Amino acid sequence: LSNRGVILTYLGLRAGWIRSATGGYVSVEVLLSQVMGEGERPLPNGLLLAGGAECGRYLLADPRIHELVQQMLAMSRPVGLLHPVYHLLFDLLDKRTSSFPLLSQESQTMTEFVHTFVQRFGEAGQVGGRQPSFTQRPSFSRH
C-alpha cells in the first residue's frame, strides 16, 4: 500500500502490539474508542478489517466495529474485509447500506485485493489530489 501512496494507521481495540497474520508485530496507533467514542478523531477515508478467527471473535463482540463499518458505508467510504475475517463479519453486516458495497478478499491474493480496494477508493472520489489514508485492523494477539 505504501507504494501506492496509501498511509496506514493501525487501529486496535486496546493499546499495545498487534500480531499480524504473517507473524510480525505492529504497534496500535489509534484506539477504536478514539474513533467511535468521544469523536476525538474523524472517520478514516477507508477501512480494511483483517484478522483470523480469534481476531474475528473480538471484532464481533464489539458493537463499535459494526457501527464503524455502517458509518463508513453510509459516507460512501470503502470498507474491505480481508480473508479469513470476512467469513465472520460479512453475513452479519448489511452489505449495501449505501451504493458502496463491502469488498471482501475471498479467493483473491493480497496484491489483487489491495489493487481492487485502492481502485475502488479512487472511484469513490476520495483521493482528489491528496494522499489516501486507511485504517487497518490486523490480526489480534494477546502478546
N, C-alpha and C. Protein backbone atom coordinates (compact mmCIF):
# COMPACT_ATOMS: atom_id res chain seq x y z
N LEU A 1 0.82 -1.20 0.00
CA LEU A 1 0.00 0.00 0.00
C LEU A 1 0.85 1.26 0.00
N SER A 2 1.96 1.23 0.72
CA SER A 2 2.80 2.43 0.77
C SER A 2 3.35 2.77 -0.61
N ASN A 3 3.55 1.77 -1.48
CA ASN A 3 4.00 2.04 -2.84
C ASN A 3 2.97 2.82 -3.64
N ARG A 4 1.72 2.77 -3.22
CA ARG A 4 0.63 3.47 -3.91
C ARG A 4 0.28 4.79 -3.22
N GLY A 5 1.10 5.21 -2.27
CA GLY A 5 0.86 6.47 -1.58
C GLY A 5 -0.20 6.39 -0.51
N VAL A 6 -0.52 5.18 -0.08
CA VAL A 6 -1.55 4.99 0.93
C VAL A 6 -0.90 5.02 2.31
N ILE A 7 -1.45 5.82 3.20
CA ILE A 7 -0.95 5.94 4.56
C ILE A 7 -1.78 5.03 5.45
N LEU A 8 -1.13 4.11 6.15
CA LEU A 8 -1.83 3.20 7.04
C LEU A 8 -1.76 3.68 8.48
N THR A 9 -2.85 3.53 9.19
CA THR A 9 -2.91 3.76 10.62
C THR A 9 -3.46 2.49 11.23
N TYR A 10 -2.77 1.95 12.22
CA TYR A 10 -3.21 0.70 12.82
C TYR A 10 -4.15 0.97 13.99
N LEU A 11 -5.35 0.46 13.85
CA LEU A 11 -6.42 0.63 14.82
C LEU A 11 -6.52 -0.62 15.67
N GLY A 12 -6.67 -0.46 16.96
CA GLY A 12 -6.79 -1.61 17.85
C GLY A 12 -7.90 -1.42 18.86
N LEU A 13 -8.31 -2.53 19.43
CA LEU A 13 -9.32 -2.48 20.48
C LEU A 13 -8.71 -2.03 21.80
N ARG A 14 -7.39 -2.23 21.93
CA ARG A 14 -6.69 -1.80 23.13
C ARG A 14 -5.26 -1.42 22.74
N ALA A 15 -4.58 -0.69 23.62
CA ALA A 15 -3.21 -0.25 23.36
C ALA A 15 -2.26 -1.44 23.39
N GLY A 16 -1.16 -1.30 22.70
CA GLY A 16 -0.14 -2.35 22.72
C GLY A 16 0.24 -2.79 21.32
N TRP A 17 0.69 -4.01 21.24
CA TRP A 17 1.15 -4.58 19.98
C TRP A 17 0.10 -5.54 19.43
N ILE A 18 0.02 -5.57 18.12
CA ILE A 18 -0.88 -6.50 17.42
C ILE A 18 -0.01 -7.41 16.58
N ARG A 19 -0.25 -8.69 16.70
CA ARG A 19 0.49 -9.67 15.89
C ARG A 19 -0.24 -9.84 14.58
N SER A 20 0.48 -9.67 13.48
CA SER A 20 -0.13 -9.82 12.16
C SER A 20 -0.28 -11.29 11.82
N ALA A 21 -1.05 -11.55 10.78
CA ALA A 21 -1.28 -12.92 10.33
C ALA A 21 0.02 -13.57 9.86
N THR A 22 0.99 -12.76 9.45
CA THR A 22 2.27 -13.29 8.97
C THR A 22 3.28 -13.45 10.09
N GLY A 23 2.89 -13.11 11.33
CA GLY A 23 3.77 -13.31 12.47
C GLY A 23 4.51 -12.07 12.94
N GLY A 24 4.45 -10.98 12.17
CA GLY A 24 5.09 -9.74 12.59
C GLY A 24 4.23 -8.99 13.60
N TYR A 25 4.77 -7.95 14.15
CA TYR A 25 4.03 -7.15 15.13
C TYR A 25 3.98 -5.70 14.68
N VAL A 26 2.85 -5.05 14.92
CA VAL A 26 2.71 -3.62 14.68
C VAL A 26 2.15 -2.99 15.94
N SER A 27 2.48 -1.74 16.13
CA SER A 27 2.00 -1.02 17.30
C SER A 27 0.67 -0.36 16.99
N VAL A 28 -0.27 -0.46 17.91
CA VAL A 28 -1.56 0.21 17.75
C VAL A 28 -1.32 1.71 17.81
N GLU A 29 -1.79 2.43 16.82
CA GLU A 29 -1.62 3.88 16.77
C GLU A 29 -2.88 4.62 17.19
N VAL A 30 -4.02 4.02 16.93
CA VAL A 30 -5.30 4.64 17.26
C VAL A 30 -6.18 3.58 17.90
N LEU A 31 -6.81 3.93 19.00
CA LEU A 31 -7.75 3.02 19.64
C LEU A 31 -9.14 3.19 19.03
N LEU A 32 -9.86 2.11 18.96
CA LEU A 32 -11.23 2.18 18.45
C LEU A 32 -12.05 3.20 19.23
N SER A 33 -11.81 3.30 20.52
CA SER A 33 -12.55 4.27 21.35
C SER A 33 -12.27 5.70 20.93
N GLN A 34 -11.12 5.96 20.30
CA GLN A 34 -10.81 7.31 19.83
C GLN A 34 -11.58 7.66 18.56
N VAL A 35 -11.95 6.66 17.81
CA VAL A 35 -12.72 6.90 16.58
C VAL A 35 -14.21 6.83 16.86
N MET A 36 -14.62 5.86 17.66
CA MET A 36 -16.04 5.62 17.91
C MET A 36 -16.51 6.10 19.28
N GLY A 37 -15.63 6.67 20.06
CA GLY A 37 -16.01 7.10 21.40
C GLY A 37 -16.42 8.55 21.43
N GLU A 38 -15.55 9.36 21.95
CA GLU A 38 -15.85 10.76 22.14
C GLU A 38 -15.71 11.57 20.86
N GLY A 39 -15.45 10.94 19.76
CA GLY A 39 -15.32 11.64 18.49
C GLY A 39 -14.05 12.47 18.42
N GLU A 40 -12.98 11.99 19.05
CA GLU A 40 -11.72 12.72 19.06
C GLU A 40 -11.07 12.76 17.68
N ARG A 41 -11.35 11.78 16.85
CA ARG A 41 -10.76 11.70 15.52
C ARG A 41 -11.87 11.54 14.49
N PRO A 42 -11.66 12.08 13.29
CA PRO A 42 -12.65 11.84 12.23
C PRO A 42 -12.55 10.41 11.74
N LEU A 43 -13.59 9.96 11.07
CA LEU A 43 -13.56 8.63 10.48
C LEU A 43 -12.45 8.56 9.45
N PRO A 44 -11.83 7.38 9.28
CA PRO A 44 -10.80 7.25 8.25
C PRO A 44 -11.43 7.31 6.86
N ASN A 45 -10.59 7.56 5.86
CA ASN A 45 -11.06 7.60 4.47
C ASN A 45 -11.38 6.22 3.94
N GLY A 46 -10.77 5.20 4.50
CA GLY A 46 -11.01 3.82 4.11
C GLY A 46 -10.71 2.91 5.29
N LEU A 47 -11.26 1.70 5.25
CA LEU A 47 -11.10 0.77 6.37
C LEU A 47 -10.87 -0.63 5.85
N LEU A 48 -9.78 -1.26 6.28
CA LEU A 48 -9.51 -2.66 5.99
C LEU A 48 -9.57 -3.41 7.31
N LEU A 49 -10.44 -4.39 7.38
CA LEU A 49 -10.54 -5.23 8.58
C LEU A 49 -9.85 -6.55 8.28
N ALA A 50 -8.81 -6.83 9.03
CA ALA A 50 -8.03 -8.04 8.80
C ALA A 50 -8.02 -8.89 10.05
N GLY A 51 -7.76 -10.15 9.86
CA GLY A 51 -7.60 -11.00 11.03
C GLY A 51 -8.10 -12.40 10.80
N GLY A 52 -7.71 -13.25 11.70
CA GLY A 52 -8.13 -14.63 11.66
C GLY A 52 -9.34 -14.86 12.53
N ALA A 53 -9.61 -16.09 12.84
CA ALA A 53 -10.81 -16.44 13.60
C ALA A 53 -10.79 -15.82 15.00
N GLU A 54 -9.64 -15.81 15.67
CA GLU A 54 -9.57 -15.22 17.01
C GLU A 54 -9.86 -13.73 16.95
N CYS A 55 -9.24 -13.05 16.01
CA CYS A 55 -9.48 -11.62 15.83
C CYS A 55 -10.95 -11.37 15.51
N GLY A 56 -11.51 -12.18 14.64
CA GLY A 56 -12.91 -12.02 14.27
C GLY A 56 -13.85 -12.11 15.45
N ARG A 57 -13.55 -13.00 16.38
CA ARG A 57 -14.39 -13.11 17.58
C ARG A 57 -14.36 -11.82 18.39
N TYR A 58 -13.18 -11.21 18.51
CA TYR A 58 -13.08 -9.94 19.23
C TYR A 58 -13.83 -8.84 18.49
N LEU A 59 -13.70 -8.82 17.18
CA LEU A 59 -14.40 -7.81 16.39
C LEU A 59 -15.91 -7.96 16.53
N LEU A 60 -16.39 -9.20 16.42
CA LEU A 60 -17.83 -9.44 16.53
C LEU A 60 -18.37 -9.09 17.90
N ALA A 61 -17.55 -9.24 18.92
CA ALA A 61 -18.00 -8.97 20.29
C ALA A 61 -18.10 -7.48 20.58
N ASP A 62 -17.51 -6.65 19.74
CA ASP A 62 -17.51 -5.21 19.99
C ASP A 62 -18.45 -4.51 19.01
N PRO A 63 -19.60 -4.02 19.50
CA PRO A 63 -20.57 -3.38 18.61
C PRO A 63 -20.04 -2.12 17.93
N ARG A 64 -18.97 -1.54 18.45
CA ARG A 64 -18.40 -0.35 17.81
C ARG A 64 -17.85 -0.66 16.43
N ILE A 65 -17.36 -1.89 16.24
CA ILE A 65 -16.86 -2.28 14.92
C ILE A 65 -18.00 -2.26 13.91
N HIS A 66 -19.14 -2.82 14.29
CA HIS A 66 -20.31 -2.82 13.40
C HIS A 66 -20.75 -1.39 13.11
N GLU A 67 -20.77 -0.57 14.13
CA GLU A 67 -21.17 0.84 13.96
C GLU A 67 -20.19 1.58 13.06
N LEU A 68 -18.89 1.34 13.24
CA LEU A 68 -17.88 1.98 12.41
C LEU A 68 -18.07 1.59 10.94
N VAL A 69 -18.25 0.31 10.68
CA VAL A 69 -18.45 -0.15 9.30
C VAL A 69 -19.71 0.49 8.71
N GLN A 70 -20.79 0.52 9.46
CA GLN A 70 -22.04 1.12 8.96
C GLN A 70 -21.85 2.61 8.66
N GLN A 71 -21.14 3.32 9.53
CA GLN A 71 -20.90 4.75 9.29
C GLN A 71 -20.02 4.96 8.07
N MET A 72 -19.01 4.12 7.91
CA MET A 72 -18.13 4.23 6.74
C MET A 72 -18.93 4.03 5.46
N LEU A 73 -19.76 3.01 5.43
CA LEU A 73 -20.56 2.73 4.23
C LEU A 73 -21.57 3.84 3.98
N ALA A 74 -22.18 4.37 5.03
CA ALA A 74 -23.15 5.46 4.87
C ALA A 74 -22.50 6.70 4.27
N MET A 75 -21.20 6.87 4.52
CA MET A 75 -20.46 8.02 3.98
C MET A 75 -19.76 7.66 2.67
N SER A 76 -20.10 6.50 2.09
CA SER A 76 -19.52 6.01 0.83
C SER A 76 -18.00 5.90 0.90
N ARG A 77 -17.51 5.47 2.05
CA ARG A 77 -16.07 5.24 2.20
C ARG A 77 -15.83 3.74 2.11
N PRO A 78 -14.79 3.33 1.40
CA PRO A 78 -14.58 1.90 1.16
C PRO A 78 -14.25 1.13 2.43
N VAL A 79 -14.83 -0.05 2.51
CA VAL A 79 -14.58 -0.98 3.61
C VAL A 79 -14.19 -2.31 2.98
N GLY A 80 -13.03 -2.81 3.35
CA GLY A 80 -12.56 -4.09 2.85
C GLY A 80 -12.41 -5.08 3.98
N LEU A 81 -12.81 -6.30 3.71
CA LEU A 81 -12.70 -7.38 4.70
C LEU A 81 -11.72 -8.41 4.16
N LEU A 82 -10.59 -8.56 4.84
CA LEU A 82 -9.57 -9.49 4.40
C LEU A 82 -9.87 -10.91 4.87
N HIS A 83 -9.35 -11.86 4.15
CA HIS A 83 -9.51 -13.27 4.48
C HIS A 83 -8.73 -13.56 5.76
N PRO A 84 -9.19 -14.33 6.68
CA PRO A 84 -10.46 -15.03 6.73
C PRO A 84 -11.54 -14.32 7.55
N VAL A 85 -11.27 -13.12 8.07
CA VAL A 85 -12.23 -12.47 8.96
C VAL A 85 -13.55 -12.17 8.25
N TYR A 86 -13.53 -12.01 6.94
CA TYR A 86 -14.78 -11.65 6.26
C TYR A 86 -15.84 -12.73 6.42
N HIS A 87 -15.42 -14.00 6.60
CA HIS A 87 -16.41 -15.06 6.82
C HIS A 87 -17.24 -14.77 8.05
N LEU A 88 -16.61 -14.24 9.08
CA LEU A 88 -17.29 -13.97 10.34
C LEU A 88 -18.13 -12.70 10.31
N LEU A 89 -17.72 -11.71 9.55
CA LEU A 89 -18.39 -10.41 9.57
C LEU A 89 -19.34 -10.17 8.41
N PHE A 90 -19.01 -10.70 7.24
CA PHE A 90 -19.72 -10.33 6.02
C PHE A 90 -21.22 -10.57 6.10
N ASP A 91 -21.62 -11.73 6.60
CA ASP A 91 -23.04 -12.05 6.66
C ASP A 91 -23.78 -11.28 7.75
N LEU A 92 -23.06 -10.77 8.73
CA LEU A 92 -23.71 -10.05 9.82
C LEU A 92 -23.90 -8.57 9.53
N LEU A 93 -23.19 -8.06 8.56
CA LEU A 93 -23.29 -6.64 8.23
C LEU A 93 -24.16 -6.46 7.00
N ASP A 94 -24.89 -5.37 6.97
CA ASP A 94 -25.70 -5.05 5.80
C ASP A 94 -24.74 -4.76 4.66
N LYS A 95 -24.79 -5.59 3.64
CA LYS A 95 -23.82 -5.50 2.56
C LYS A 95 -23.99 -4.27 1.67
N ARG A 96 -25.13 -3.63 1.71
CA ARG A 96 -25.35 -2.48 0.83
C ARG A 96 -26.15 -1.40 1.55
N THR A 97 -25.56 -0.83 2.58
CA THR A 97 -26.25 0.25 3.28
C THR A 97 -26.21 1.53 2.46
N SER A 98 -25.35 1.56 1.46
CA SER A 98 -25.29 2.69 0.54
C SER A 98 -24.97 2.12 -0.83
N SER A 99 -24.63 2.98 -1.77
CA SER A 99 -24.26 2.49 -3.09
C SER A 99 -22.85 1.92 -3.08
N PHE A 100 -22.20 1.91 -1.96
CA PHE A 100 -20.82 1.45 -1.85
C PHE A 100 -20.78 0.13 -1.10
N PRO A 101 -20.61 -0.98 -1.80
CA PRO A 101 -20.64 -2.29 -1.13
C PRO A 101 -19.36 -2.57 -0.35
N LEU A 102 -19.50 -3.49 0.56
CA LEU A 102 -18.31 -4.02 1.23
C LEU A 102 -17.51 -4.81 0.21
N LEU A 103 -16.22 -4.75 0.32
CA LEU A 103 -15.35 -5.55 -0.54
C LEU A 103 -14.75 -6.65 0.32
N SER A 104 -14.76 -7.88 -0.17
CA SER A 104 -14.14 -8.97 0.58
C SER A 104 -13.08 -9.64 -0.28
N GLN A 105 -12.02 -10.08 0.36
CA GLN A 105 -10.88 -10.66 -0.34
C GLN A 105 -11.23 -11.97 -1.01
N GLU A 106 -12.00 -12.79 -0.36
CA GLU A 106 -12.39 -14.11 -0.84
C GLU A 106 -11.18 -14.86 -1.40
N SER A 107 -11.17 -15.21 -2.69
CA SER A 107 -10.09 -16.03 -3.24
C SER A 107 -8.97 -15.20 -3.87
N GLN A 108 -9.06 -13.88 -3.81
CA GLN A 108 -8.01 -13.04 -4.39
C GLN A 108 -6.74 -13.12 -3.54
N THR A 109 -5.60 -12.92 -4.20
CA THR A 109 -4.36 -12.77 -3.43
C THR A 109 -4.41 -11.41 -2.75
N MET A 110 -3.53 -11.20 -1.78
CA MET A 110 -3.48 -9.92 -1.09
C MET A 110 -3.20 -8.79 -2.08
N THR A 111 -2.28 -9.01 -3.02
CA THR A 111 -1.94 -8.00 -4.02
C THR A 111 -3.15 -7.65 -4.88
N GLU A 112 -3.88 -8.65 -5.35
CA GLU A 112 -5.07 -8.41 -6.17
C GLU A 112 -6.13 -7.65 -5.38
N PHE A 113 -6.34 -8.05 -4.13
CA PHE A 113 -7.35 -7.40 -3.31
C PHE A 113 -6.99 -5.94 -3.04
N VAL A 114 -5.73 -5.68 -2.69
CA VAL A 114 -5.31 -4.31 -2.41
C VAL A 114 -5.48 -3.46 -3.66
N HIS A 115 -5.13 -3.99 -4.83
CA HIS A 115 -5.32 -3.26 -6.08
C HIS A 115 -6.79 -2.91 -6.28
N THR A 116 -7.68 -3.88 -6.09
CA THR A 116 -9.12 -3.64 -6.22
C THR A 116 -9.59 -2.60 -5.22
N PHE A 117 -9.12 -2.70 -3.98
CA PHE A 117 -9.53 -1.78 -2.93
C PHE A 117 -9.08 -0.35 -3.24
N VAL A 118 -7.81 -0.19 -3.63
CA VAL A 118 -7.29 1.14 -3.95
C VAL A 118 -7.99 1.71 -5.18
N GLN A 119 -8.28 0.87 -6.17
CA GLN A 119 -9.01 1.31 -7.36
C GLN A 119 -10.40 1.80 -6.97
N ARG A 120 -11.09 1.06 -6.12
CA ARG A 120 -12.43 1.45 -5.67
C ARG A 120 -12.36 2.75 -4.87
N PHE A 121 -11.31 2.89 -4.08
CA PHE A 121 -11.09 4.10 -3.30
C PHE A 121 -11.01 5.30 -4.24
N GLY A 122 -10.26 5.17 -5.33
CA GLY A 122 -10.13 6.25 -6.30
C GLY A 122 -11.44 6.54 -7.01
N GLU A 123 -12.22 5.50 -7.34
CA GLU A 123 -13.51 5.68 -8.00
C GLU A 123 -14.49 6.43 -7.12
N ALA A 124 -14.33 6.30 -5.82
CA ALA A 124 -15.24 6.97 -4.90
C ALA A 124 -14.94 8.46 -4.80
N GLY A 125 -13.88 8.91 -5.50
CA GLY A 125 -13.55 10.32 -5.46
C GLY A 125 -12.88 10.74 -4.17
N GLN A 126 -12.35 9.77 -3.44
CA GLN A 126 -11.74 10.08 -2.15
C GLN A 126 -10.33 10.64 -2.30
N VAL A 127 -9.64 10.29 -3.38
CA VAL A 127 -8.25 10.69 -3.50
C VAL A 127 -8.14 12.18 -3.75
N GLY A 128 -8.75 12.69 -4.81
CA GLY A 128 -8.85 14.12 -5.07
C GLY A 128 -7.58 14.92 -4.83
N GLY A 129 -6.42 14.42 -5.27
CA GLY A 129 -5.20 15.18 -5.15
C GLY A 129 -4.50 15.05 -3.79
N ARG A 130 -5.07 14.35 -2.87
CA ARG A 130 -4.40 14.16 -1.58
C ARG A 130 -4.09 12.68 -1.39
N GLN A 131 -3.17 12.41 -0.51
CA GLN A 131 -2.83 11.01 -0.26
C GLN A 131 -3.96 10.34 0.49
N PRO A 132 -4.40 9.19 0.00
CA PRO A 132 -5.44 8.47 0.74
C PRO A 132 -4.87 7.88 2.02
N SER A 133 -5.72 7.71 3.00
CA SER A 133 -5.29 7.05 4.23
C SER A 133 -6.30 5.98 4.59
N PHE A 134 -5.83 4.90 5.13
CA PHE A 134 -6.67 3.79 5.51
C PHE A 134 -6.38 3.43 6.96
N THR A 135 -7.35 2.89 7.60
CA THR A 135 -7.12 2.32 8.92
C THR A 135 -7.20 0.82 8.74
N GLN A 136 -6.19 0.14 9.18
CA GLN A 136 -6.15 -1.31 9.06
C GLN A 136 -6.16 -1.93 10.44
N ARG A 137 -6.96 -2.94 10.61
CA ARG A 137 -7.04 -3.69 11.87
C ARG A 137 -6.44 -5.06 11.60
N PRO A 138 -5.13 -5.26 11.85
CA PRO A 138 -4.55 -6.56 11.59
C PRO A 138 -4.95 -7.60 12.63
N SER A 139 -4.42 -8.81 12.48
CA SER A 139 -4.77 -9.90 13.38
C SER A 139 -4.52 -9.53 14.83
N PHE A 140 -5.40 -9.98 15.69
CA PHE A 140 -5.32 -9.69 17.12
C PHE A 140 -4.45 -10.74 17.80
N SER A 141 -3.67 -10.30 18.73
CA SER A 141 -2.88 -11.22 19.55
C SER A 141 -2.78 -10.65 20.95
N ARG A 142 -2.76 -11.49 21.92
CA ARG A 142 -2.60 -11.04 23.30
C ARG A 142 -1.14 -10.84 23.67
N HIS A 143 -0.21 -11.05 22.75
CA HIS A 143 1.23 -10.94 23.04
C HIS A 143 1.66 -9.50 23.07
